[in-house]
C-alpha atoms as a PDB file:
ATOM      1  CA  UNK A   1      24.557 -10.673  62.556  1.00  0.00           C
ATOM      2  CA  UNK A   2      24.982 -13.996  64.313  1.00  0.00           C
ATOM      3  CA  UNK A   3      21.493 -14.524  65.699  1.00  0.00           C
ATOM      4  CA  UNK A   4      21.085 -17.740  63.486  1.00  0.00           C
ATOM      5  CA  UNK A   5      24.556 -19.359  64.158  1.00  0.00           C
ATOM      6  CA  UNK A   6      24.186 -23.038  64.496  1.00  0.00           C
ATOM      7  CA  UNK A   7      20.801 -23.131  62.775  1.00  0.00           C
ATOM      8  CA  UNK A   8      20.026 -25.187  59.682  1.00  0.00           C
ATOM      9  CA  UNK A   9      17.679 -23.925  57.022  1.00  0.00           C
ATOM     10  CA  UNK A  10      15.997 -25.089  53.870  1.00  0.00           C
ATOM     11  CA  UNK A  11      14.625 -22.558  51.398  1.00  0.00           C
ATOM     12  CA  UNK A  12      12.529 -24.092  48.618  1.00  0.00           C
ATOM     13  CA  UNK A  13      12.902 -22.436  45.158  1.00  0.00           C
ATOM     14  CA  UNK A  14      16.065 -20.777  46.388  1.00  0.00           C
ATOM     15  CA  UNK A  15      18.100 -20.503  43.155  1.00  0.00           C
ATOM     16  CA  UNK A  16      16.971 -16.967  42.139  1.00  0.00           C
ATOM     17  CA  UNK A  17      14.899 -13.970  42.976  1.00  0.00           C
ATOM     18  CA  UNK A  18      13.374 -13.807  46.399  1.00  0.00           C
ATOM     19  CA  UNK A  19      14.395 -17.373  47.347  1.00  0.00           C
ATOM     20  CA  UNK A  20      18.036 -16.727  46.682  1.00  0.00           C
ATOM     21  CA  UNK A  21      17.851 -13.404  48.724  1.00  0.00           C
ATOM     22  CA  UNK A  22      16.374 -15.288  51.603  1.00  0.00           C
ATOM     23  CA  UNK A  23      19.053 -18.032  51.425  1.00  0.00           C
ATOM     24  CA  UNK A  24      21.758 -15.272  51.596  1.00  0.00           C
ATOM     25  CA  UNK A  25      20.051 -13.521  54.399  1.00  0.00           C
ATOM     26  CA  UNK A  26      19.865 -16.610  56.508  1.00  0.00           C
ATOM     27  CA  UNK A  27      23.531 -17.314  55.836  1.00  0.00           C
ATOM     28  CA  UNK A  28      24.473 -13.804  56.806  1.00  0.00           C
ATOM     29  CA  UNK A  29      22.686 -14.475  60.100  1.00  0.00           C
ATOM     30  CA  UNK A  30      24.940 -17.480  60.635  1.00  0.00           C
ATOM     31  CA  UNK A  31      22.746 -20.356  59.336  1.00  0.00           C
ATOM     32  CA  UNK A  32      23.791 -23.257  57.123  1.00  0.00           C
ATOM     33  CA  UNK A  33      21.467 -23.277  54.190  1.00  0.00           C
ATOM     34  CA  UNK A  34      20.002 -25.876  51.745  1.00  0.00           C
ATOM     35  CA  UNK A  35      18.121 -24.680  48.690  1.00  0.00           C
ATOM     36  CA  UNK A  36      15.946 -26.574  46.221  1.00  0.00           C
ATOM     37  CA  UNK A  37      15.757 -25.734  42.486  1.00  0.00           C
ATOM     38  CA  UNK A  38      13.758 -27.015  39.540  1.00  0.00           C
ATOM     39  CA  UNK A  39      15.945 -26.494  36.474  1.00  0.00           C
ATOM     40  CA  UNK A  40      18.320 -23.692  37.221  1.00  0.00           C
ATOM     41  CA  UNK A  41      21.217 -25.838  38.277  1.00  0.00           C
ATOM     42  CA  UNK A  42      23.899 -23.205  37.382  1.00  0.00           C
ATOM     43  CA  UNK A  43      22.144 -20.474  39.376  1.00  0.00           C
ATOM     44  CA  UNK A  44      21.660 -22.787  42.339  1.00  0.00           C
ATOM     45  CA  UNK A  45      25.393 -23.612  42.238  1.00  0.00           C
ATOM     46  CA  UNK A  46      26.116 -19.789  42.294  1.00  0.00           C
ATOM     47  CA  UNK A  47      23.996 -19.339  45.360  1.00  0.00           C
ATOM     48  CA  UNK A  48      25.891 -22.272  47.063  1.00  0.00           C
ATOM     49  CA  UNK A  49      29.329 -20.799  46.197  1.00  0.00           C
ATOM     50  CA  UNK A  50      28.339 -17.447  47.497  1.00  0.00           C
ATOM     51  CA  UNK A  51      26.969 -18.879  50.708  1.00  0.00           C
ATOM     52  CA  UNK A  52      30.116 -20.953  51.211  1.00  0.00           C
ATOM     53  CA  UNK A  53      32.208 -17.811  50.631  1.00  0.00           C
ATOM     54  CA  UNK A  54      30.465 -16.461  53.765  1.00  0.00           C
ATOM     55  CA  UNK A  55      31.898 -19.394  55.686  1.00  0.00           C
ATOM     56  CA  UNK A  56      28.598 -21.302  55.890  1.00  0.00           C
ATOM     57  CA  UNK A  57      27.656 -24.729  54.662  1.00  0.00           C
ATOM     58  CA  UNK A  58      25.349 -24.785  51.589  1.00  0.00           C
ATOM     59  CA  UNK A  59      23.798 -27.499  49.438  1.00  0.00           C
ATOM     60  CA  UNK A  60      21.539 -27.354  46.370  1.00  0.00           C
ATOM     61  CA  UNK A  61      19.055 -30.134  45.905  1.00  0.00           C
ATOM     62  CA  UNK A  62      17.109 -30.598  42.633  1.00  0.00           C
ATOM     63  CA  UNK A  63      13.360 -31.127  43.202  1.00  0.00           C
ATOM     64  CA  UNK A  64      10.329 -30.640  41.130  1.00  0.00           C
ATOM     65  CA  UNK A  65       7.959 -28.777  43.356  1.00  0.00           C
ATOM     66  CA  UNK A  66       4.957 -30.394  41.677  1.00  0.00           C
ATOM     67  CA  UNK A  67       6.157 -33.847  42.471  1.00  0.00           C
ATOM     68  CA  UNK A  68       5.100 -34.994  45.946  1.00  0.00           C
ATOM     69  CA  UNK A  69       7.896 -37.594  46.225  1.00  0.00           C
ATOM     70  CA  UNK A  70      10.551 -35.152  45.222  1.00  0.00           C
ATOM     71  CA  UNK A  71       9.316 -32.540  47.746  1.00  0.00           C
ATOM     72  CA  UNK A  72       9.479 -35.033  50.559  1.00  0.00           C
ATOM     73  CA  UNK A  73      12.871 -36.338  49.456  1.00  0.00           C
ATOM     74  CA  UNK A  74      14.279 -32.767  49.215  1.00  0.00           C
ATOM     75  CA  UNK A  75      13.374 -32.054  52.802  1.00  0.00           C
ATOM     76  CA  UNK A  76      15.017 -35.317  54.033  1.00  0.00           C
ATOM     77  CA  UNK A  77      18.113 -34.702  51.967  1.00  0.00           C
ATOM     78  CA  UNK A  78      18.476 -31.208  53.287  1.00  0.00           C
ATOM     79  CA  UNK A  79      18.244 -32.454  56.949  1.00  0.00           C
ATOM     80  CA  UNK A  80      20.721 -35.159  56.166  1.00  0.00           C
ATOM     81  CA  UNK A  81      23.234 -32.854  54.398  1.00  0.00           C
ATOM     82  CA  UNK A  82      22.982 -30.149  57.223  1.00  0.00           C
ATOM     83  CA  UNK A  83      22.895 -32.551  60.057  1.00  0.00           C
ATOM     84  CA  UNK A  84      19.275 -31.521  60.960  1.00  0.00           C
ATOM     85  CA  UNK A  85      16.706 -28.865  60.192  1.00  0.00           C
ATOM     86  CA  UNK A  86      15.672 -25.803  62.224  1.00  0.00           C
ATOM     87  CA  UNK A  87      14.051 -23.521  59.661  1.00  0.00           C
ATOM     88  CA  UNK A  88      11.918 -24.235  56.619  1.00  0.00           C
ATOM     89  CA  UNK A  89      11.081 -21.495  54.184  1.00  0.00           C
ATOM     90  CA  UNK A  90       8.202 -22.467  51.732  1.00  0.00           C
ATOM     91  CA  UNK A  91       9.191 -20.131  48.788  1.00  0.00           C
ATOM     92  CA  UNK A  92       8.913 -22.298  45.691  1.00  0.00           C
ATOM     93  CA  UNK A  93       6.063 -21.148  43.472  1.00  0.00           C
ATOM     94  CA  UNK A  94       4.901 -20.576  39.991  1.00  0.00           C
ATOM     95  CA  UNK A  95       2.637 -17.968  38.490  1.00  0.00           C
ATOM     96  CA  UNK A  96       0.234 -18.055  35.617  1.00  0.00           C
ATOM     97  CA  UNK A  97      -2.387 -15.526  34.565  1.00  0.00           C
ATOM     98  CA  UNK A  98      -5.755 -15.953  32.838  1.00  0.00           C
ATOM     99  CA  UNK A  99      -9.310 -14.954  33.491  1.00  0.00           C
ATOM    100  CA  UNK A 100     -11.568 -17.497  35.244  1.00  0.00           C
ATOM    101  CA  UNK A 101     -13.554 -17.705  31.984  1.00  0.00           C
ATOM    102  CA  UNK A 102     -10.391 -18.831  30.019  1.00  0.00           C
ATOM    103  CA  UNK A 103      -8.226 -20.568  32.442  1.00  0.00           C
ATOM    104  CA  UNK A 104      -7.569 -24.345  31.524  1.00  0.00           C
ATOM    105  CA  UNK A 105      -7.566 -27.246  33.959  1.00  0.00           C
ATOM    106  CA  UNK A 106      -3.898 -27.941  33.506  1.00  0.00           C
ATOM    107  CA  UNK A 107      -2.970 -24.395  34.601  1.00  0.00           C
ATOM    108  CA  UNK A 108      -5.306 -24.687  37.637  1.00  0.00           C
ATOM    109  CA  UNK A 109      -3.814 -27.972  38.549  1.00  0.00           C
ATOM    110  CA  UNK A 110      -0.209 -26.767  38.178  1.00  0.00           C
ATOM    111  CA  UNK A 111      -0.749 -23.706  40.267  1.00  0.00           C
ATOM    112  CA  UNK A 112      -2.347 -25.653  43.134  1.00  0.00           C
ATOM    113  CA  UNK A 113       0.238 -28.450  42.925  1.00  0.00           C
ATOM    114  CA  UNK A 114       3.233 -26.193  43.388  1.00  0.00           C
ATOM    115  CA  UNK A 115       1.927 -23.232  45.372  1.00  0.00           C
ATOM    116  CA  UNK A 116      -0.400 -25.066  47.800  1.00  0.00           C
ATOM    117  CA  UNK A 117       0.337 -28.851  47.863  1.00  0.00           C
ATOM    118  CA  UNK A 118       4.039 -28.177  47.619  1.00  0.00           C
ATOM    119  CA  UNK A 119       4.117 -26.047  50.724  1.00  0.00           C
ATOM    120  CA  UNK A 120       1.823 -28.541  52.554  1.00  0.00           C
ATOM    121  CA  UNK A 121       4.072 -31.493  51.771  1.00  0.00           C
ATOM    122  CA  UNK A 122       7.289 -29.710  52.613  1.00  0.00           C
ATOM    123  CA  UNK A 123       5.879 -28.658  55.923  1.00  0.00           C
ATOM    124  CA  UNK A 124       4.616 -32.096  56.612  1.00  0.00           C
ATOM    125  CA  UNK A 125       8.072 -33.592  55.750  1.00  0.00           C
ATOM    126  CA  UNK A 126       9.860 -30.996  57.872  1.00  0.00           C
ATOM    127  CA  UNK A 127       7.860 -31.472  61.057  1.00  0.00           C
ATOM    128  CA  UNK A 128       9.707 -34.629  62.195  1.00  0.00           C
ATOM    129  CA  UNK A 129      12.996 -32.874  61.695  1.00  0.00           C
ATOM    130  CA  UNK A 130      12.107 -29.650  63.454  1.00  0.00           C
ATOM    131  CA  UNK A 131      13.236 -29.369  67.049  1.00  0.00           C
ATOM    132  CA  UNK A 132      11.181 -27.492  69.644  1.00  0.00           C
ATOM    133  CA  UNK A 133      11.506 -23.836  68.870  1.00  0.00           C
ATOM    134  CA  UNK A 134      11.821 -24.416  65.143  1.00  0.00           C
ATOM    135  CA  UNK A 135      10.492 -22.116  62.427  1.00  0.00           C
ATOM    136  CA  UNK A 136       8.308 -22.384  59.287  1.00  0.00           C
ATOM    137  CA  UNK A 137       8.026 -19.297  57.089  1.00  0.00           C
ATOM    138  CA  UNK A 138       5.957 -19.378  53.987  1.00  0.00           C
ATOM    139  CA  UNK A 139       5.963 -16.804  51.220  1.00  0.00           C
ATOM    140  CA  UNK A 140       2.615 -15.682  49.982  1.00  0.00           C
ATOM    141  CA  UNK A 141       1.466 -12.580  48.046  1.00  0.00           C
ATOM    142  CA  UNK A 142      -0.333  -9.406  48.824  1.00  0.00           C
ATOM    143  CA  UNK A 143      -2.676 -10.425  46.076  1.00  0.00           C
ATOM    144  CA  UNK A 144      -4.306 -12.907  48.402  1.00  0.00           C
ATOM    145  CA  UNK A 145      -5.946  -9.864  50.094  1.00  0.00           C
ATOM    146  CA  UNK A 146      -6.281  -7.441  47.099  1.00  0.00           C
ATOM    147  CA  UNK A 147      -6.849  -8.692  43.572  1.00  0.00           C
ATOM    148  CA  UNK A 148      -5.734  -6.003  41.083  1.00  0.00           C
ATOM    149  CA  UNK A 149      -6.656  -6.699  37.390  1.00  0.00           C
ATOM    150  CA  UNK A 150      -8.763  -9.586  36.070  1.00  0.00           C
ATOM    151  CA  UNK A 151      -6.215 -12.369  35.235  1.00  0.00           C
ATOM    152  CA  UNK A 152      -4.742 -13.261  38.553  1.00  0.00           C
ATOM    153  CA  UNK A 153      -7.616 -14.817  40.437  1.00  0.00           C
ATOM    154  CA  UNK A 154      -6.510 -18.445  40.371  1.00  0.00           C
ATOM    155  CA  UNK A 155      -2.961 -17.618  41.213  1.00  0.00           C
ATOM    156  CA  UNK A 156      -3.964 -15.409  44.090  1.00  0.00           C
ATOM    157  CA  UNK A 157      -6.372 -18.168  45.396  1.00  0.00           C
ATOM    158  CA  UNK A 158      -3.381 -20.299  45.865  1.00  0.00           C
ATOM    159  CA  UNK A 159      -1.669 -17.575  47.876  1.00  0.00           C
ATOM    160  CA  UNK A 160      -4.776 -17.095  50.003  1.00  0.00           C
ATOM    161  CA  UNK A 161      -4.695 -20.816  50.862  1.00  0.00           C
ATOM    162  CA  UNK A 162      -1.336 -20.253  52.428  1.00  0.00           C
ATOM    163  CA  UNK A 163      -2.931 -18.002  55.094  1.00  0.00           C
ATOM    164  CA  UNK A 164      -5.018 -20.945  56.276  1.00  0.00           C
ATOM    165  CA  UNK A 165      -2.099 -23.321  56.140  1.00  0.00           C
ATOM    166  CA  UNK A 166       0.048 -20.905  58.189  1.00  0.00           C
ATOM    167  CA  UNK A 167      -2.670 -20.507  60.807  1.00  0.00           C
ATOM    168  CA  UNK A 168      -3.218 -24.305  60.999  1.00  0.00           C
ATOM    169  CA  UNK A 169       0.509 -25.000  61.445  1.00  0.00           C
ATOM    170  CA  UNK A 170       0.764 -22.433  64.197  1.00  0.00           C
ATOM    171  CA  UNK A 171      -2.073 -24.073  66.044  1.00  0.00           C
ATOM    172  CA  UNK A 172      -0.657 -27.593  65.598  1.00  0.00           C
ATOM    173  CA  UNK A 173       2.971 -26.842  66.408  1.00  0.00           C
ATOM    174  CA  UNK A 174       2.504 -24.200  69.019  1.00  0.00           C
ATOM    175  CA  UNK A 175       2.742 -26.668  71.858  1.00  0.00           C
ATOM    176  CA  UNK A 176       6.372 -27.426  70.673  1.00  0.00           C
ATOM    177  CA  UNK A 177       7.331 -23.870  70.480  1.00  0.00           C
ATOM    178  CA  UNK A 178       7.475 -24.107  66.659  1.00  0.00           C
ATOM    179  CA  UNK A 179       6.363 -20.918  65.016  1.00  0.00           C
ATOM    180  CA  UNK A 180       4.630 -20.650  61.550  1.00  0.00           C
ATOM    181  CA  UNK A 181       4.286 -17.300  59.815  1.00  0.00           C
ATOM    182  CA  UNK A 182       3.479 -15.944  56.381  1.00  0.00           C
ATOM    183  CA  UNK A 183       5.280 -13.117  54.478  1.00  0.00           C
ATOM    184  CA  UNK A 184       3.187 -11.474  51.756  1.00  0.00           C
ATOM    185  CA  UNK A 185       5.345  -9.484  49.288  1.00  0.00           C
ATOM    186  CA  UNK A 186       3.858  -6.818  47.228  1.00  0.00           C
ATOM    187  CA  UNK A 187       5.418  -5.776  43.819  1.00  0.00           C
ATOM    188  CA  UNK A 188       9.005  -6.978  44.132  1.00  0.00           C
ATOM    189  CA  UNK A 189      11.690  -6.444  41.432  1.00  0.00           C
ATOM    190  CA  UNK A 190      12.351  -9.999  40.121  1.00  0.00           C
ATOM    191  CA  UNK A 191      12.539 -11.659  36.802  1.00  0.00           C
ATOM    192  CA  UNK A 192       8.972 -12.597  37.048  1.00  0.00           C
ATOM    193  CA  UNK A 193       7.864  -8.974  37.680  1.00  0.00           C
ATOM    194  CA  UNK A 194      10.629  -6.558  36.771  1.00  0.00           C
ATOM    195  CA  UNK A 195      10.483  -2.969  37.993  1.00  0.00           C
ATOM    196  CA  UNK A 196      10.859  -1.842  34.374  1.00  0.00           C
ATOM    197  CA  UNK A 197       8.171  -4.165  33.034  1.00  0.00           C
ATOM    198  CA  UNK A 198       5.089  -3.051  31.013  1.00  0.00           C
ATOM    199  CA  UNK A 199       2.807  -2.960  34.160  1.00  0.00           C
ATOM    200  CA  UNK A 200       5.394  -1.568  36.569  1.00  0.00           C
ATOM    201  CA  UNK A 201       4.123   2.029  36.541  1.00  0.00           C
ATOM    202  CA  UNK A 202       0.629   0.848  37.454  1.00  0.00           C
ATOM    203  CA  UNK A 203       1.977  -1.240  40.326  1.00  0.00           C
ATOM    204  CA  UNK A 204       4.103   1.595  41.625  1.00  0.00           C
ATOM    205  CA  UNK A 205       0.944   3.764  41.787  1.00  0.00           C
ATOM    206  CA  UNK A 206      -0.642   1.294  44.151  1.00  0.00           C
ATOM    207  CA  UNK A 207       1.977   1.919  46.900  1.00  0.00           C
ATOM    208  CA  UNK A 208       2.241   4.897  49.122  1.00  0.00           C
ATOM    209  CA  UNK A 209       6.055   4.604  48.819  1.00  0.00           C
ATOM    210  CA  UNK A 210       5.819   4.694  45.001  1.00  0.00           C
ATOM    211  CA  UNK A 211       8.306   2.055  44.324  1.00  0.00           C
ATOM    212  CA  UNK A 212       8.924  -1.644  43.987  1.00  0.00           C
ATOM    213  CA  UNK A 213      10.462  -3.651  46.717  1.00  0.00           C
ATOM    214  CA  UNK A 214      13.721  -5.555  46.394  1.00  0.00           C
ATOM    215  CA  UNK A 215      14.076  -9.283  47.113  1.00  0.00           C
ATOM    216  CA  UNK A 216      16.287  -8.308  50.025  1.00  0.00           C
ATOM    217  CA  UNK A 217      13.311  -6.509  51.669  1.00  0.00           C
ATOM    218  CA  UNK A 218      11.369  -9.755  51.739  1.00  0.00           C
ATOM    219  CA  UNK A 219      14.486 -11.689  52.850  1.00  0.00           C
ATOM    220  CA  UNK A 220      14.946  -9.328  55.821  1.00  0.00           C
ATOM    221  CA  UNK A 221      11.419 -10.128  57.031  1.00  0.00           C
ATOM    222  CA  UNK A 222      12.005 -13.848  56.876  1.00  0.00           C
ATOM    223  CA  UNK A 223      15.373 -13.483  58.663  1.00  0.00           C
ATOM    224  CA  UNK A 224      13.675 -11.644  61.449  1.00  0.00           C
ATOM    225  CA  UNK A 225      10.869 -14.289  61.754  1.00  0.00           C
ATOM    226  CA  UNK A 226      13.532 -17.048  61.853  1.00  0.00           C
ATOM    227  CA  UNK A 227      15.438 -15.251  64.606  1.00  0.00           C
ATOM    228  CA  UNK A 228      15.088 -15.668  68.372  1.00  0.00           C
ATOM    229  CA  UNK A 229      13.606 -12.192  68.681  1.00  0.00           C
ATOM    230  CA  UNK A 230      10.374 -13.424  66.911  1.00  0.00           C
ATOM    231  CA  UNK A 231       9.865 -16.375  69.223  1.00  0.00           C
ATOM    232  CA  UNK A 232       6.468 -15.031  70.372  1.00  0.00           C
ATOM    233  CA  UNK A 233       5.120 -14.405  66.822  1.00  0.00           C
ATOM    234  CA  UNK A 234       3.182 -17.160  65.213  1.00  0.00           C
ATOM    235  CA  UNK A 235       0.173 -17.458  62.929  1.00  0.00           C
ATOM    236  CA  UNK A 236       0.954 -13.914  61.618  1.00  0.00           C
ATOM    237  CA  UNK A 237       0.858 -12.335  58.282  1.00  0.00           C
ATOM    238  CA  UNK A 238       3.511  -9.774  57.534  1.00  0.00           C
ATOM    239  CA  UNK A 239       2.994  -7.653  54.469  1.00  0.00           C
ATOM    240  CA  UNK A 240       6.137  -6.459  52.803  1.00  0.00           C
ATOM    241  CA  UNK A 241       4.386  -4.507  50.114  1.00  0.00           C
ATOM    242  CA  UNK A 242       5.346  -0.806  50.461  1.00  0.00           C
ATOM    243  CA  UNK A 243       1.823  -0.146  51.757  1.00  0.00           C
ATOM    244  CA  UNK A 244      -0.041  -1.522  48.713  1.00  0.00           C
ATOM    245  CA  UNK A 245      -2.641  -3.108  51.024  1.00  0.00           C
ATOM    246  CA  UNK A 246      -3.340   0.092  52.998  1.00  0.00           C
END
């Protein structure tokens, strides 16, 4: 697994869950990896130590994904620490659930600030660093295409916006051979949505496979899209959802 040897990657929100799994998968492929984190400094340090144990360079950068200046700074710091940047993974996100009738303005603003604006600004900051043939992979949600329940609409709106962002980036950056793709997880066993949680059985019933995914399943898709074999895939949406959208 050396297809990413010599590459430098930044994974936003990489201290835990899907983000941490992505950071590990890229390092397993040979990449040096920077991660950003909001408050989980100890867990970010654990990810760094584990990647360094693989013989790769790693760095953790504290950055509030809702702060535009911090987002831009974190990208520049990652490129400086790694000696450049070949791969950006827009993973940082928050979730909040309420009906449209009840959701407050602060929640709406927070969701769009992190999930949409954060991904836009990180991509914008990364573009000057990315070489021809670079990669941008963004993590969305299957809920962008299928809303289940009555409290996730605003959250899933932020994820559907990432489809447009991805297609726009693919168009803009295609002449430089830079690809932009979107990975949409379905129900994935994380702290935010554990496989033994109160709504887990309902979610399992939505999948033909009848199970939750693991963070490593999503990470494998990202590692593929970052690899040379995916050089002709751009503007694509890859569902890693156990068939929930079928």
